[in-house]
Amino acid sequence: KKKKKTKSKLDNVYGCRHSLPDGIMRATDVMIGGKRVVVCGYGDVGKGSAFAMRGAGARVIITEVDPICALQACMEGFQVATLDDVIGEADIFVTTTGNKDIIMATDMAKMKNNAIVGNIGHFDNEIDMAGLEKVSG
């Protein structure tokens, strides 16, 4: 049982440090350096993702509902904001919360043209794909 918890903790915090920037660059052929990246959530996966994107040269903004986690992000030097406050200015959005409906189709309508939206959380219901399919264009 202890081995499983250790593996999970290491995978969540450190595994995404390697896979997130690599996955984004391979899938999009976009350089991360200089981009504004919103990481939704600052749990273990969010922490690893935030440091990975900062390490790749991005300016990272954290959205987090838990005040303790938000304070941790702030103390690590990350900007903390609400999604509504940064939805129109960021280039890349990464959901890491494990919760449902983090980025909705209505949010995506407010994003910059060619914004990249991705999920590295445990479940695939953080981004409103059903709502996105209903949008014309």
N, C-alpha and C. Protein backbone atom coordinates (compact mmCIF):
# COMPACT_ATOMS: atom_id res chain seq x y z
N LYS A 1 0.83 -1.20 0.00
CA LYS A 1 0.00 0.00 0.00
C LYS A 1 0.87 1.26 0.00
N LYS A 2 1.93 1.25 0.80
CA LYS A 2 2.83 2.41 0.86
C LYS A 2 3.51 2.64 -0.49
N LYS A 3 3.87 1.55 -1.17
CA LYS A 3 4.52 1.66 -2.47
C LYS A 3 3.59 2.35 -3.47
N LYS A 4 2.31 1.99 -3.44
CA LYS A 4 1.34 2.58 -4.36
C LYS A 4 1.19 4.08 -4.12
N LYS A 5 1.13 4.48 -2.86
CA LYS A 5 0.99 5.90 -2.54
C LYS A 5 2.22 6.68 -2.99
N THR A 6 3.40 6.11 -2.76
CA THR A 6 4.64 6.76 -3.18
C THR A 6 4.68 6.91 -4.69
N LYS A 7 4.33 5.84 -5.41
CA LYS A 7 4.33 5.89 -6.87
C LYS A 7 3.34 6.95 -7.37
N SER A 8 2.16 6.97 -6.78
CA SER A 8 1.14 7.93 -7.19
C SER A 8 1.63 9.36 -6.97
N LYS A 9 2.21 9.62 -5.81
CA LYS A 9 2.71 10.95 -5.49
C LYS A 9 3.81 11.36 -6.48
N LEU A 10 4.75 10.46 -6.74
CA LEU A 10 5.83 10.76 -7.67
C LEU A 10 5.31 10.97 -9.09
N ASP A 11 4.41 10.10 -9.53
CA ASP A 11 3.84 10.24 -10.88
C ASP A 11 3.11 11.56 -11.02
N ASN A 12 2.30 11.90 -10.02
CA ASN A 12 1.48 13.11 -10.11
C ASN A 12 2.31 14.38 -10.11
N VAL A 13 3.30 14.46 -9.23
CA VAL A 13 4.08 15.69 -9.14
C VAL A 13 5.17 15.76 -10.21
N TYR A 14 5.90 14.66 -10.40
CA TYR A 14 7.08 14.71 -11.24
C TYR A 14 6.87 14.15 -12.65
N GLY A 15 5.97 13.20 -12.80
CA GLY A 15 5.74 12.61 -14.12
C GLY A 15 5.25 13.63 -15.13
N CYS A 16 4.34 14.50 -14.69
CA CYS A 16 3.79 15.50 -15.61
C CYS A 16 4.82 16.57 -15.97
N ARG A 17 5.87 16.70 -15.18
CA ARG A 17 6.93 17.67 -15.52
C ARG A 17 7.58 17.30 -16.84
N HIS A 18 7.65 16.02 -17.13
CA HIS A 18 8.25 15.57 -18.39
C HIS A 18 7.21 15.50 -19.49
N SER A 19 6.04 14.96 -19.17
CA SER A 19 5.07 14.66 -20.22
C SER A 19 4.30 15.88 -20.72
N LEU A 20 4.02 16.84 -19.85
CA LEU A 20 3.18 17.97 -20.27
C LEU A 20 3.84 18.85 -21.34
N PRO A 21 5.02 19.41 -21.10
CA PRO A 21 5.61 20.24 -22.17
C PRO A 21 5.88 19.43 -23.44
N ASP A 22 6.35 18.21 -23.27
CA ASP A 22 6.63 17.35 -24.43
C ASP A 22 5.36 17.08 -25.22
N GLY A 23 4.29 16.74 -24.54
CA GLY A 23 3.02 16.45 -25.21
C GLY A 23 2.46 17.65 -25.95
N ILE A 24 2.53 18.82 -25.32
CA ILE A 24 2.03 20.03 -25.98
C ILE A 24 2.85 20.35 -27.22
N MET A 25 4.17 20.28 -27.09
CA MET A 25 5.02 20.61 -28.24
C MET A 25 4.86 19.60 -29.38
N ARG A 26 4.74 18.32 -29.05
CA ARG A 26 4.55 17.31 -30.10
C ARG A 26 3.19 17.44 -30.78
N ALA A 27 2.15 17.72 -30.00
CA ALA A 27 0.79 17.79 -30.55
C ALA A 27 0.54 19.06 -31.34
N THR A 28 1.20 20.14 -30.96
CA THR A 28 0.87 21.44 -31.56
C THR A 28 2.01 22.08 -32.34
N ASP A 29 3.23 21.64 -32.12
CA ASP A 29 4.42 22.25 -32.72
C ASP A 29 4.54 23.73 -32.32
N VAL A 30 4.09 24.04 -31.11
CA VAL A 30 4.13 25.41 -30.59
C VAL A 30 5.22 25.49 -29.52
N MET A 31 6.02 26.54 -29.58
CA MET A 31 7.02 26.78 -28.53
C MET A 31 6.31 27.32 -27.30
N ILE A 32 6.67 26.84 -26.14
CA ILE A 32 6.02 27.23 -24.90
C ILE A 32 6.62 28.52 -24.34
N GLY A 33 7.90 28.74 -24.57
CA GLY A 33 8.57 29.93 -24.04
C GLY A 33 7.85 31.21 -24.41
N GLY A 34 7.61 32.05 -23.40
CA GLY A 34 6.95 33.33 -23.61
C GLY A 34 5.44 33.28 -23.62
N LYS A 35 4.87 32.09 -23.66
CA LYS A 35 3.41 31.96 -23.68
C LYS A 35 2.84 32.16 -22.27
N ARG A 36 1.60 32.61 -22.22
CA ARG A 36 0.87 32.68 -20.95
C ARG A 36 0.11 31.37 -20.80
N VAL A 37 0.39 30.66 -19.74
CA VAL A 37 -0.22 29.35 -19.51
C VAL A 37 -1.05 29.40 -18.24
N VAL A 38 -2.31 29.01 -18.34
CA VAL A 38 -3.18 28.88 -17.17
C VAL A 38 -3.21 27.42 -16.76
N VAL A 39 -2.82 27.14 -15.53
CA VAL A 39 -2.93 25.80 -14.96
C VAL A 39 -4.10 25.84 -13.99
N CYS A 40 -5.15 25.10 -14.32
CA CYS A 40 -6.35 25.06 -13.48
C CYS A 40 -6.16 23.98 -12.43
N GLY A 41 -5.95 24.40 -11.20
CA GLY A 41 -5.74 23.48 -10.09
C GLY A 41 -4.29 23.48 -9.65
N TYR A 42 -4.08 23.43 -8.33
CA TYR A 42 -2.72 23.42 -7.79
C TYR A 42 -2.58 22.32 -6.73
N GLY A 43 -3.10 21.13 -7.09
CA GLY A 43 -2.82 19.94 -6.29
C GLY A 43 -1.50 19.37 -6.78
N ASP A 44 -1.28 18.09 -6.57
CA ASP A 44 -0.01 17.48 -6.98
C ASP A 44 0.24 17.60 -8.48
N VAL A 45 -0.78 17.29 -9.28
CA VAL A 45 -0.62 17.37 -10.74
C VAL A 45 -0.46 18.82 -11.17
N GLY A 46 -1.22 19.71 -10.59
CA GLY A 46 -1.11 21.13 -10.91
C GLY A 46 0.25 21.70 -10.56
N LYS A 47 0.78 21.30 -9.42
CA LYS A 47 2.12 21.76 -9.01
C LYS A 47 3.16 21.32 -10.03
N GLY A 48 3.15 20.05 -10.37
CA GLY A 48 4.11 19.54 -11.36
C GLY A 48 3.95 20.23 -12.70
N SER A 49 2.70 20.44 -13.11
CA SER A 49 2.43 21.08 -14.39
C SER A 49 2.90 22.53 -14.40
N ALA A 50 2.64 23.24 -13.31
CA ALA A 50 3.03 24.65 -13.22
C ALA A 50 4.55 24.80 -13.30
N PHE A 51 5.27 23.97 -12.56
CA PHE A 51 6.73 24.05 -12.59
C PHE A 51 7.28 23.63 -13.95
N ALA A 52 6.63 22.66 -14.58
CA ALA A 52 7.07 22.22 -15.91
C ALA A 52 6.93 23.34 -16.93
N MET A 53 5.80 24.01 -16.90
CA MET A 53 5.56 25.08 -17.87
C MET A 53 6.45 26.29 -17.59
N ARG A 54 6.67 26.59 -16.31
CA ARG A 54 7.59 27.67 -15.98
C ARG A 54 9.01 27.31 -16.44
N GLY A 55 9.38 26.06 -16.24
CA GLY A 55 10.70 25.59 -16.68
C GLY A 55 10.87 25.65 -18.18
N ALA A 56 9.76 25.57 -18.92
CA ALA A 56 9.80 25.66 -20.38
C ALA A 56 9.75 27.11 -20.86
N GLY A 57 9.72 28.05 -19.91
CA GLY A 57 9.77 29.46 -20.27
C GLY A 57 8.44 30.18 -20.31
N ALA A 58 7.38 29.52 -19.87
CA ALA A 58 6.05 30.14 -19.89
C ALA A 58 5.85 31.05 -18.68
N ARG A 59 4.94 31.98 -18.84
CA ARG A 59 4.46 32.78 -17.71
C ARG A 59 3.20 32.07 -17.21
N VAL A 60 3.25 31.53 -16.02
CA VAL A 60 2.21 30.63 -15.52
C VAL A 60 1.27 31.36 -14.57
N ILE A 61 -0.01 31.14 -14.80
CA ILE A 61 -1.08 31.66 -13.96
C ILE A 61 -1.84 30.46 -13.40
N ILE A 62 -2.12 30.48 -12.11
CA ILE A 62 -2.82 29.38 -11.45
C ILE A 62 -4.24 29.80 -11.12
N THR A 63 -5.20 28.91 -11.40
CA THR A 63 -6.56 29.08 -10.88
C THR A 63 -6.77 27.97 -9.87
N GLU A 64 -7.24 28.32 -8.69
CA GLU A 64 -7.38 27.34 -7.61
C GLU A 64 -8.46 27.79 -6.65
N VAL A 65 -9.41 26.89 -6.33
CA VAL A 65 -10.50 27.25 -5.43
C VAL A 65 -10.14 27.06 -3.96
N ASP A 66 -9.20 26.17 -3.66
CA ASP A 66 -8.80 25.93 -2.27
C ASP A 66 -7.83 27.03 -1.83
N PRO A 67 -8.17 27.77 -0.78
CA PRO A 67 -7.32 28.90 -0.39
C PRO A 67 -5.91 28.50 0.05
N ILE A 68 -5.75 27.32 0.64
CA ILE A 68 -4.42 26.86 1.05
C ILE A 68 -3.55 26.59 -0.18
N CYS A 69 -4.12 25.88 -1.15
CA CYS A 69 -3.37 25.59 -2.38
C CYS A 69 -3.07 26.87 -3.15
N ALA A 70 -4.03 27.81 -3.16
CA ALA A 70 -3.81 29.09 -3.83
C ALA A 70 -2.67 29.85 -3.17
N LEU A 71 -2.61 29.81 -1.85
CA LEU A 71 -1.53 30.47 -1.12
C LEU A 71 -0.19 29.81 -1.42
N GLN A 72 -0.19 28.48 -1.51
CA GLN A 72 1.05 27.77 -1.88
C GLN A 72 1.54 28.24 -3.25
N ALA A 73 0.63 28.36 -4.20
CA ALA A 73 1.00 28.82 -5.54
C ALA A 73 1.59 30.23 -5.48
N CYS A 74 0.95 31.08 -4.72
CA CYS A 74 1.42 32.46 -4.57
C CYS A 74 2.82 32.49 -3.94
N MET A 75 3.03 31.66 -2.93
CA MET A 75 4.33 31.62 -2.25
C MET A 75 5.43 31.05 -3.14
N GLU A 76 5.06 30.30 -4.17
CA GLU A 76 6.03 29.78 -5.14
C GLU A 76 6.28 30.77 -6.28
N GLY A 77 5.61 31.92 -6.22
CA GLY A 77 5.85 32.96 -7.21
C GLY A 77 4.93 32.94 -8.41
N PHE A 78 3.88 32.12 -8.35
CA PHE A 78 2.93 32.08 -9.46
C PHE A 78 1.85 33.13 -9.25
N GLN A 79 1.37 33.71 -10.35
CA GLN A 79 0.20 34.57 -10.30
C GLN A 79 -1.01 33.68 -10.04
N VAL A 80 -1.89 34.10 -9.16
CA VAL A 80 -3.12 33.36 -8.89
C VAL A 80 -4.29 34.24 -9.30
N ALA A 81 -5.20 33.68 -10.08
CA ALA A 81 -6.33 34.46 -10.60
C ALA A 81 -7.53 33.54 -10.79
N THR A 82 -8.66 34.15 -11.08
CA THR A 82 -9.82 33.34 -11.47
C THR A 82 -9.75 33.11 -12.98
N LEU A 83 -10.39 32.04 -13.42
CA LEU A 83 -10.41 31.74 -14.86
C LEU A 83 -11.04 32.90 -15.63
N ASP A 84 -12.11 33.47 -15.10
CA ASP A 84 -12.78 34.60 -15.77
C ASP A 84 -11.84 35.78 -15.98
N ASP A 85 -10.94 36.00 -15.04
CA ASP A 85 -10.03 37.15 -15.14
C ASP A 85 -8.96 36.98 -16.21
N VAL A 86 -8.63 35.74 -16.57
CA VAL A 86 -7.51 35.52 -17.50
C VAL A 86 -7.91 34.78 -18.78
N ILE A 87 -9.19 34.48 -18.93
CA ILE A 87 -9.65 33.64 -20.04
C ILE A 87 -9.30 34.24 -21.41
N GLY A 88 -9.32 35.55 -21.54
CA GLY A 88 -9.07 36.17 -22.84
C GLY A 88 -7.62 36.48 -23.14
N GLU A 89 -6.73 36.28 -22.17
CA GLU A 89 -5.34 36.69 -22.38
C GLU A 89 -4.34 35.54 -22.45
N ALA A 90 -4.73 34.34 -22.06
CA ALA A 90 -3.79 33.22 -22.02
C ALA A 90 -3.72 32.50 -23.37
N ASP A 91 -2.59 31.83 -23.59
CA ASP A 91 -2.36 31.10 -24.83
C ASP A 91 -2.62 29.60 -24.68
N ILE A 92 -2.38 29.08 -23.48
CA ILE A 92 -2.51 27.64 -23.21
C ILE A 92 -3.25 27.46 -21.89
N PHE A 93 -4.19 26.54 -21.87
CA PHE A 93 -4.95 26.20 -20.67
C PHE A 93 -4.78 24.72 -20.39
N VAL A 94 -4.44 24.38 -19.15
CA VAL A 94 -4.25 22.98 -18.76
C VAL A 94 -5.09 22.72 -17.52
N THR A 95 -6.01 21.76 -17.60
CA THR A 95 -6.81 21.39 -16.43
C THR A 95 -6.13 20.24 -15.71
N THR A 96 -6.08 20.35 -14.37
CA THR A 96 -5.38 19.35 -13.56
C THR A 96 -6.17 18.97 -12.31
N THR A 97 -7.44 19.31 -12.26
CA THR A 97 -8.17 19.27 -10.99
C THR A 97 -8.76 17.91 -10.63
N GLY A 98 -9.13 17.14 -11.63
CA GLY A 98 -9.88 15.91 -11.35
C GLY A 98 -11.36 16.18 -11.12
N ASN A 99 -11.78 17.43 -11.29
CA ASN A 99 -13.19 17.80 -11.12
C ASN A 99 -13.86 17.99 -12.47
N LYS A 100 -15.19 18.05 -12.44
CA LYS A 100 -15.99 18.13 -13.67
C LYS A 100 -16.21 19.59 -14.07
N ASP A 101 -16.29 19.81 -15.39
CA ASP A 101 -16.70 21.11 -15.96
C ASP A 101 -15.83 22.28 -15.49
N ILE A 102 -14.54 22.15 -15.66
CA ILE A 102 -13.61 23.22 -15.29
C ILE A 102 -13.56 24.28 -16.39
N ILE A 103 -13.46 23.85 -17.64
CA ILE A 103 -13.51 24.77 -18.78
C ILE A 103 -14.71 24.39 -19.64
N MET A 104 -15.65 25.31 -19.75
CA MET A 104 -16.88 25.08 -20.48
C MET A 104 -16.78 25.70 -21.88
N ALA A 105 -17.71 25.32 -22.76
CA ALA A 105 -17.74 25.87 -24.12
C ALA A 105 -17.88 27.39 -24.09
N THR A 106 -18.63 27.89 -23.12
CA THR A 106 -18.79 29.35 -22.99
C THR A 106 -17.46 30.02 -22.65
N ASP A 107 -16.61 29.32 -21.89
CA ASP A 107 -15.27 29.84 -21.59
C ASP A 107 -14.42 29.85 -22.86
N MET A 108 -14.50 28.76 -23.62
CA MET A 108 -13.68 28.65 -24.84
C MET A 108 -14.04 29.74 -25.84
N ALA A 109 -15.30 30.17 -25.85
CA ALA A 109 -15.72 31.24 -26.76
C ALA A 109 -15.03 32.57 -26.43
N LYS A 110 -14.56 32.73 -25.20
CA LYS A 110 -13.90 33.96 -24.77
C LYS A 110 -12.38 33.91 -24.95
N MET A 111 -11.86 32.75 -25.33
CA MET A 111 -10.40 32.59 -25.46
C MET A 111 -9.89 33.23 -26.74
N LYS A 112 -8.57 33.49 -26.75
CA LYS A 112 -7.89 33.96 -27.95
C LYS A 112 -8.06 32.95 -29.07
N ASN A 113 -8.00 33.43 -30.30
CA ASN A 113 -7.98 32.52 -31.44
C ASN A 113 -6.72 31.65 -31.33
N ASN A 114 -6.86 30.37 -31.60
CA ASN A 114 -5.77 29.39 -31.55
C ASN A 114 -5.26 29.08 -30.14
N ALA A 115 -6.03 29.40 -29.11
CA ALA A 115 -5.64 28.99 -27.75
C ALA A 115 -5.61 27.47 -27.70
N ILE A 116 -4.70 26.95 -26.92
CA ILE A 116 -4.56 25.50 -26.74
C ILE A 116 -5.21 25.13 -25.42
N VAL A 117 -6.07 24.12 -25.45
CA VAL A 117 -6.75 23.65 -24.25
C VAL A 117 -6.46 22.17 -24.09
N GLY A 118 -6.01 21.78 -22.91
CA GLY A 118 -5.70 20.38 -22.68
C GLY A 118 -5.95 19.98 -21.24
N ASN A 119 -6.03 18.68 -21.02
CA ASN A 119 -6.26 18.12 -19.70
C ASN A 119 -5.15 17.13 -19.37
N ILE A 120 -4.60 17.25 -18.19
CA ILE A 120 -3.63 16.26 -17.72
C ILE A 120 -4.13 15.65 -16.41
N GLY A 121 -5.37 15.99 -16.04
CA GLY A 121 -5.97 15.43 -14.84
C GLY A 121 -6.37 13.98 -15.05
N HIS A 122 -6.91 13.39 -14.01
CA HIS A 122 -7.22 11.96 -14.01
C HIS A 122 -8.42 11.61 -14.89
N PHE A 123 -9.39 12.51 -14.95
CA PHE A 123 -10.62 12.22 -15.69
C PHE A 123 -10.72 13.08 -16.94
N ASP A 124 -11.57 12.65 -17.88
CA ASP A 124 -11.70 13.39 -19.14
C ASP A 124 -12.93 14.28 -19.18
N ASN A 125 -13.47 14.65 -18.02
CA ASN A 125 -14.68 15.46 -18.00
C ASN A 125 -14.43 16.89 -17.49
N GLU A 126 -13.17 17.30 -17.47
CA GLU A 126 -12.85 18.64 -17.00
C GLU A 126 -13.13 19.69 -18.07
N ILE A 127 -13.07 19.28 -19.33
CA ILE A 127 -13.29 20.18 -20.46
C ILE A 127 -14.60 19.78 -21.13
N ASP A 128 -15.45 20.76 -21.39
CA ASP A 128 -16.79 20.54 -21.95
C ASP A 128 -16.73 20.23 -23.44
N MET A 129 -16.36 19.00 -23.76
CA MET A 129 -16.25 18.60 -25.17
C MET A 129 -17.63 18.50 -25.84
N ALA A 130 -18.62 18.06 -25.09
CA ALA A 130 -19.98 17.96 -25.65
C ALA A 130 -20.50 19.34 -26.04
N GLY A 131 -20.27 20.32 -25.19
CA GLY A 131 -20.67 21.69 -25.49
C GLY A 131 -19.90 22.26 -26.66
N LEU A 132 -18.63 21.92 -26.76
CA LEU A 132 -17.80 22.40 -27.86
C LEU A 132 -18.27 21.85 -29.20
N GLU A 133 -18.70 20.59 -29.21
CA GLU A 133 -19.19 19.97 -30.45
C GLU A 133 -20.44 20.66 -30.98
N LYS A 134 -21.21 21.31 -30.11
CA LYS A 134 -22.45 21.98 -30.51
C LYS A 134 -22.20 23.36 -31.10
N VAL A 135 -20.99 23.88 -30.92
CA VAL A 135 -20.67 25.22 -31.42
C VAL A 135 -20.38 25.15 -32.91
N SER A 136 -20.99 26.04 -33.67
CA SER A 136 -20.75 26.03 -35.12
C SER A 136 -19.39 26.64 -35.42
N GLY A 137 -18.80 26.20 -36.53
CA GLY A 137 -17.51 26.75 -36.94
C GLY A 137 -16.47 25.81 -36.71
